[in-house]
Every structure is written in structure tokens, then in C-alpha cells.
């Protein structure tokens, strides 16, 4: 299984894993090195991943 970095901005409930997502947090964020069990996963990241264009 590929190890991903998940980022979520403080005060947000949405986790991102594609660096090319327009909402990829660049500052004021927390990071996880495993799939988060709380919050929600970003729909845009999911779409990029499914299309094979997610920069991880």
C-alpha cells in the first residue's frame, strides 16, 4: 500500500492527498501519514486520483 500524506487546514474537516488539488493546504495545516479516520476526504482529490492525475 502506498504511503500518502494527508493534509487538513486547521479549523477544517476535509483531508487532501493530491498536491495538485486547488485546495491543497500550503500553510496552517496538520498532516497525517495514514488515512484519517475522522473528517471527510476531499472530493476534488478523489476525482484527480480516479482520473490518474493526482500528484502524490
N, C-alpha and C. Protein backbone atom coordinates (compact mmCIF):
# COMPACT_ATOMS: atom_id res chain seq x y z
N UNK A 1 0.85 -1.19 0.00
CA UNK A 1 0.00 0.00 0.00
C UNK A 1 0.89 1.25 0.00
N UNK A 2 0.54 2.18 -0.82
CA UNK A 2 1.31 3.42 -0.95
C UNK A 2 1.07 4.32 0.26
N UNK A 3 2.16 4.84 0.79
CA UNK A 3 2.06 5.76 1.92
C UNK A 3 1.77 7.16 1.39
N UNK A 4 0.70 7.76 1.88
CA UNK A 4 0.30 9.10 1.44
C UNK A 4 0.42 10.08 2.59
N UNK A 5 0.57 11.33 2.25
CA UNK A 5 0.48 12.40 3.22
C UNK A 5 -0.88 13.05 3.06
N UNK A 6 -1.63 13.07 4.12
CA UNK A 6 -2.93 13.73 4.13
C UNK A 6 -2.79 15.04 4.88
N UNK A 7 -3.33 16.11 4.32
CA UNK A 7 -3.28 17.42 4.95
C UNK A 7 -4.69 17.96 5.15
N UNK A 8 -4.84 18.66 6.27
CA UNK A 8 -6.11 19.30 6.58
C UNK A 8 -5.79 20.65 7.22
N UNK A 9 -6.41 21.70 6.71
CA UNK A 9 -6.19 23.00 7.31
C UNK A 9 -6.81 23.01 8.70
N UNK A 10 -6.17 23.73 9.61
CA UNK A 10 -6.75 23.90 10.93
C UNK A 10 -8.15 24.48 10.76
N UNK A 11 -9.05 24.06 11.59
CA UNK A 11 -10.45 24.51 11.57
C UNK A 11 -11.21 24.01 10.33
N UNK A 12 -10.68 23.01 9.66
CA UNK A 12 -11.37 22.39 8.53
C UNK A 12 -11.55 20.91 8.83
N UNK A 13 -12.52 20.29 8.20
CA UNK A 13 -12.81 18.88 8.42
C UNK A 13 -12.45 18.05 7.19
N UNK A 14 -11.88 18.68 6.15
CA UNK A 14 -11.62 18.00 4.88
C UNK A 14 -10.13 17.70 4.71
N UNK A 15 -9.84 16.44 4.41
CA UNK A 15 -8.46 15.98 4.21
C UNK A 15 -8.13 15.91 2.72
N UNK A 16 -6.92 16.31 2.35
CA UNK A 16 -6.43 16.31 0.97
C UNK A 16 -5.21 15.41 0.86
N UNK A 17 -5.02 14.79 -0.30
CA UNK A 17 -3.82 13.97 -0.53
C UNK A 17 -3.19 14.20 -1.90
N UNK A 18 -3.81 15.00 -2.76
CA UNK A 18 -3.24 15.34 -4.07
C UNK A 18 -2.62 16.74 -4.00
N UNK A 19 -1.32 16.81 -4.25
CA UNK A 19 -0.63 18.09 -4.17
C UNK A 19 -1.10 19.08 -5.23
N UNK A 20 -1.71 18.59 -6.29
CA UNK A 20 -2.20 19.48 -7.35
C UNK A 20 -3.69 19.83 -7.17
N UNK A 21 -4.27 19.48 -6.05
CA UNK A 21 -5.64 19.89 -5.74
C UNK A 21 -5.64 21.40 -5.50
N UNK A 22 -6.61 22.13 -6.04
CA UNK A 22 -6.64 23.58 -5.83
C UNK A 22 -6.77 23.97 -4.36
N UNK A 23 -7.26 23.06 -3.52
CA UNK A 23 -7.44 23.35 -2.10
C UNK A 23 -6.35 22.72 -1.22
N UNK A 24 -5.27 22.20 -1.83
CA UNK A 24 -4.17 21.59 -1.08
C UNK A 24 -3.61 22.61 -0.08
N UNK A 25 -3.68 22.32 1.22
CA UNK A 25 -3.21 23.28 2.22
C UNK A 25 -1.70 23.53 2.12
N UNK A 26 -1.33 24.79 2.09
CA UNK A 26 0.08 25.17 1.99
C UNK A 26 0.59 25.80 3.28
N UNK A 27 -0.34 26.22 4.14
CA UNK A 27 0.06 26.78 5.43
C UNK A 27 -1.08 26.55 6.42
N UNK A 28 -0.73 26.61 7.70
CA UNK A 28 -1.71 26.42 8.77
C UNK A 28 -2.45 25.10 8.63
N UNK A 29 -1.72 23.99 8.57
CA UNK A 29 -2.35 22.69 8.39
C UNK A 29 -1.74 21.66 9.34
N UNK A 30 -2.47 20.57 9.49
CA UNK A 30 -1.98 19.40 10.20
C UNK A 30 -1.79 18.31 9.16
N UNK A 31 -0.92 17.36 9.46
CA UNK A 31 -0.59 16.31 8.50
C UNK A 31 -0.72 14.94 9.15
N UNK A 32 -1.15 13.98 8.37
CA UNK A 32 -1.22 12.57 8.79
C UNK A 32 -0.51 11.75 7.73
N UNK A 33 0.14 10.69 8.15
CA UNK A 33 0.83 9.80 7.22
C UNK A 33 0.05 8.50 7.02
N UNK A 34 -1.22 8.55 7.34
CA UNK A 34 -2.12 7.43 7.17
C UNK A 34 -3.51 7.99 6.88
N UNK A 35 -4.38 7.16 6.35
CA UNK A 35 -5.73 7.63 6.02
C UNK A 35 -6.46 8.03 7.29
N UNK A 36 -6.92 9.27 7.37
CA UNK A 36 -7.60 9.73 8.58
C UNK A 36 -8.90 8.97 8.83
N UNK A 37 -9.22 8.79 10.08
CA UNK A 37 -10.44 8.08 10.46
C UNK A 37 -11.55 9.05 10.84
N UNK A 38 -11.24 10.33 10.91
CA UNK A 38 -12.24 11.35 11.21
C UNK A 38 -12.24 12.38 10.09
N UNK A 39 -13.30 13.14 10.00
CA UNK A 39 -13.39 14.14 8.94
C UNK A 39 -13.81 13.51 7.63
N UNK A 40 -13.69 14.29 6.56
CA UNK A 40 -14.07 13.80 5.24
C UNK A 40 -12.90 13.92 4.28
N UNK A 41 -12.92 13.12 3.24
CA UNK A 41 -11.89 13.17 2.22
C UNK A 41 -12.34 14.11 1.11
N UNK A 42 -11.41 14.86 0.56
CA UNK A 42 -11.69 15.86 -0.47
C UNK A 42 -12.22 15.20 -1.74
N UNK A 43 -13.33 15.72 -2.22
CA UNK A 43 -13.94 15.20 -3.46
C UNK A 43 -13.06 15.49 -4.67
N UNK A 44 -12.43 16.66 -4.71
CA UNK A 44 -11.54 17.00 -5.83
C UNK A 44 -10.33 16.07 -5.86
N UNK A 45 -9.76 15.77 -4.70
CA UNK A 45 -8.64 14.82 -4.64
C UNK A 45 -9.09 13.45 -5.14
N UNK A 46 -10.27 13.05 -4.72
CA UNK A 46 -10.81 11.75 -5.16
C UNK A 46 -10.96 11.72 -6.69
N UNK A 47 -11.49 12.81 -7.27
CA UNK A 47 -11.66 12.89 -8.73
C UNK A 47 -10.31 12.85 -9.44
N UNK A 48 -9.33 13.60 -8.93
CA UNK A 48 -7.99 13.60 -9.53
C UNK A 48 -7.37 12.21 -9.45
N UNK A 49 -7.53 11.55 -8.31
CA UNK A 49 -6.98 10.22 -8.11
C UNK A 49 -7.61 9.22 -9.07
N UNK A 50 -8.92 9.26 -9.19
CA UNK A 50 -9.62 8.35 -10.09
C UNK A 50 -9.25 8.58 -11.55
N UNK A 51 -8.95 9.84 -11.92
CA UNK A 51 -8.57 10.16 -13.29
C UNK A 51 -7.09 9.86 -13.57
N UNK A 52 -6.36 9.48 -12.51
CA UNK A 52 -4.94 9.16 -12.68
C UNK A 52 -4.07 10.40 -12.77
N UNK A 53 -4.56 11.55 -12.34
CA UNK A 53 -3.78 12.79 -12.45
C UNK A 53 -3.46 13.40 -11.08
N UNK A 54 -3.53 12.59 -10.04
CA UNK A 54 -3.23 13.05 -8.70
C UNK A 54 -1.72 13.06 -8.48
N UNK A 55 -1.17 14.21 -8.11
CA UNK A 55 0.25 14.30 -7.77
C UNK A 55 0.38 14.04 -6.26
N UNK A 56 0.93 12.88 -5.93
CA UNK A 56 1.02 12.48 -4.52
C UNK A 56 2.37 12.76 -3.93
